[in-house]
Each structure stands twice: as structure tokens, then as C-alpha cells.
Protein backbone atom coordinates (compact mmCIF):
# COMPACT_ATOMS: atom_id res chain seq x y z
CA MET A 1 -34.06 -36.13 21.76
CA ARG A 2 -37.58 -35.25 20.70
CA THR A 3 -36.88 -31.56 20.96
CA SER A 4 -33.92 -31.80 18.61
CA ARG A 5 -36.06 -33.63 16.03
CA TYR A 6 -38.69 -30.92 16.20
CA LEU A 7 -36.02 -28.26 15.90
CA THR A 8 -34.55 -30.03 12.86
CA TRP A 9 -37.97 -30.27 11.17
CA ILE A 10 -38.79 -26.65 11.91
CA THR A 11 -35.43 -25.57 10.49
CA LEU A 12 -35.99 -27.61 7.32
CA VAL A 13 -39.50 -26.17 6.87
CA VAL A 14 -38.21 -22.61 7.31
CA ILE A 15 -35.44 -23.25 4.77
CA VAL A 16 -37.91 -24.66 2.24
CA ILE A 17 -40.21 -21.68 2.75
CA LEU A 18 -37.36 -19.20 2.37
CA VAL A 19 -36.08 -20.89 -0.79
CA ASN A 20 -39.53 -20.74 -2.39
CA LEU A 21 -40.20 -17.07 -1.61
CA PRO A 22 -40.55 -14.66 -4.54
CA SER A 23 -37.43 -12.61 -5.24
CA ARG A 24 -38.95 -9.32 -4.06
CA VAL A 25 -39.89 -10.82 -0.67
CA TRP A 26 -36.58 -12.69 -0.49
CA ASP A 27 -34.70 -9.40 -0.94
CA HIS A 28 -36.59 -7.87 2.00
CA VAL A 29 -35.92 -10.91 4.19
CA ARG A 30 -32.23 -10.88 3.27
CA ASP A 31 -31.95 -7.13 4.02
CA TRP A 32 -33.72 -7.62 7.34
CA CYS A 33 -31.36 -10.47 8.30
CA ARG A 34 -28.36 -8.40 7.28
CA GLU A 35 -29.50 -5.51 9.48
CA ILE A 36 -29.92 -7.83 12.46
CA ILE A 37 -26.60 -9.64 12.00
CA ALA A 38 -24.44 -6.59 11.08
CA PRO A 39 -23.56 -5.40 14.63
CA PHE A 40 -22.66 -8.92 15.74
CA HIS A 41 -20.62 -9.45 12.60
CA SER A 42 -18.57 -6.28 13.09
CA VAL A 43 -17.83 -7.16 16.72
CA ALA A 44 -16.87 -10.72 15.83
CA SER A 45 -14.76 -9.55 12.91
CA GLY A 46 -12.84 -7.05 15.05
CA PHE A 47 -12.29 -9.64 17.76
CA GLY A 48 -11.13 -12.18 15.18
CA TYR A 49 -8.66 -9.70 13.71
CA ARG A 50 -7.17 -8.94 17.12
CA VAL A 51 -6.87 -12.63 17.96
CA SER A 52 -5.20 -13.45 14.63
CA GLU A 53 -2.71 -10.59 15.06
CA SER A 54 -1.89 -11.76 18.58
CA CYS A 55 -1.43 -15.34 17.40
CA SER A 56 0.77 -14.31 14.50
CA THR A 57 3.00 -12.38 16.91
CA LEU A 58 3.28 -15.42 19.14
CA VAL A 59 3.89 -17.81 16.27
CA ASP A 60 6.36 -15.70 14.26
CA PRO A 61 8.10 -13.12 16.45
CA ALA A 62 11.44 -13.75 14.70
CA GLY A 63 9.94 -13.00 11.29
CA LYS A 64 8.71 -9.62 12.44
CA ALA A 65 11.99 -8.92 14.18
CA MET A 66 13.89 -9.77 10.99
CA ALA A 67 11.60 -7.56 8.91
CA THR A 68 12.14 -4.73 11.40
CA LYS A 69 15.92 -5.21 11.16
CA GLN A 70 15.77 -5.10 7.36
CA LEU A 71 13.72 -1.91 7.46
CA GLU A 72 16.19 -0.32 9.89
CA LEU A 73 19.06 -1.22 7.55
CA GLN A 74 17.18 0.22 4.61
CA ILE A 75 16.53 3.44 6.54
CA ALA A 76 20.23 3.72 7.43
CA ASN A 77 21.24 3.19 3.78
CA LEU A 78 18.76 5.79 2.59
CA ARG A 79 19.97 8.32 5.16
CA GLU A 80 23.56 7.79 4.00
CA ARG A 81 22.46 8.25 0.40
CA VAL A 82 20.65 11.48 1.28
CA ARG A 83 23.81 12.79 3.01
CA HIS A 84 25.85 11.94 -0.09
CA LEU A 85 23.37 13.65 -2.41
CA GLU A 86 23.29 16.74 -0.19
CA SER A 87 27.10 16.97 -0.35
CA LEU A 88 26.99 16.64 -4.14
CA ASP A 89 24.35 19.36 -4.28
CA SER A 90 26.45 21.75 -2.22
CA GLU A 91 29.52 20.94 -4.35
CA ASN A 92 27.49 21.60 -7.50
CA ALA A 93 26.33 24.96 -6.13
CA SER A 94 29.92 25.89 -5.23
CA LEU A 95 31.15 25.03 -8.73
CA ARG A 96 28.35 27.08 -10.31
CA VAL A 97 29.44 30.09 -8.25
CA GLN A 98 33.12 29.58 -9.19
CA LEU A 99 32.25 29.33 -12.90
CA GLY A 100 29.88 32.28 -12.77
CA TYR A 101 27.07 30.15 -14.17
CA LYS A 102 23.90 32.10 -14.72
CA THR A 103 20.67 30.30 -14.06
CA ASN A 104 18.58 32.84 -15.93
CA SER A 105 19.40 33.91 -19.46
CA ILE A 106 17.54 35.71 -22.21
CA TYR A 107 18.69 33.00 -24.58
CA ARG A 108 17.61 29.41 -24.73
CA LEU A 109 20.75 27.51 -23.71
CA GLU A 110 21.48 23.90 -24.53
CA SER A 111 24.56 21.95 -23.55
CA CYS A 112 26.38 19.96 -26.22
CA GLU A 113 29.70 18.36 -27.05
CA VAL A 114 32.07 20.24 -29.37
CA ILE A 115 33.18 17.91 -32.18
CA ALA A 116 35.15 20.34 -34.41
CA ARG A 117 36.43 23.90 -34.62
CA GLY A 118 37.12 26.24 -37.47
CA GLU A 119 36.12 25.70 -41.03
CA VAL A 120 33.79 22.84 -41.86
CA SER A 121 35.99 21.51 -44.70
CA GLY A 122 38.85 20.86 -42.29
CA TRP A 123 41.37 22.54 -44.65
CA TRP A 124 42.70 24.91 -42.01
């Protein structure tokens, strides 16, 4: 009982001393404490992360399974879409060959819709 009172008083005195230190000295003390605590903090942080991941797997395995299922469905849909686009690409290439479409021309070509033919006045 007596030891805990002494420990409490010593802790309070140290806190009061630390609070009243000048800022330059306080910065050195804080840096020194950070250097001492850093290795323990990184180990504890890594351990805490592993424990939280393990607990989340135990608590919500169905949620992860459902998310995995959704991702698998999305992958299947995207693969089907890629197959469709590849078939359209090959069809497009085949039609270009049949039409004799030139990819390179000395002229600047633009596609447009024809809205009239012949004379502008429309008489003929």
C-alpha cells in the first residue's frame, strides 16, 4: 500500500516537472521517448493488426465469402464482355478488308452524313 502511494507521488512529480520544462528541452525528451518506444510500438501494432484480421475473419466469414462471390461474378461478366468485344473487333477488321478501307491516306478524311445531292437549289 505504501509503495503504491510513493509510486503515485513520484509519477505526479515527474509529470509536473515534464510539463514545466522549456520547449527546447521538452522536444529532446519527447524525441528520446519516441526513440525508446518505437520498436515496441511497431511490434504491438503488427500484432494488433494480425489479431484484428483474425477476429474479423472469425466474426464475418460470410461477408468475405459473399464479397468473393461478387468479385467472381464480376470477373466472369468482364471476361464475357472482352470475348464479345474481341469478336466485334475481328468482324470490324473483316468488313474493312471487304470494303477495301485504307487506314492511311494522303488526305485528311472525315466521316459525315450525306443530306442532299446535286444542285444546292434543289431545282433538278
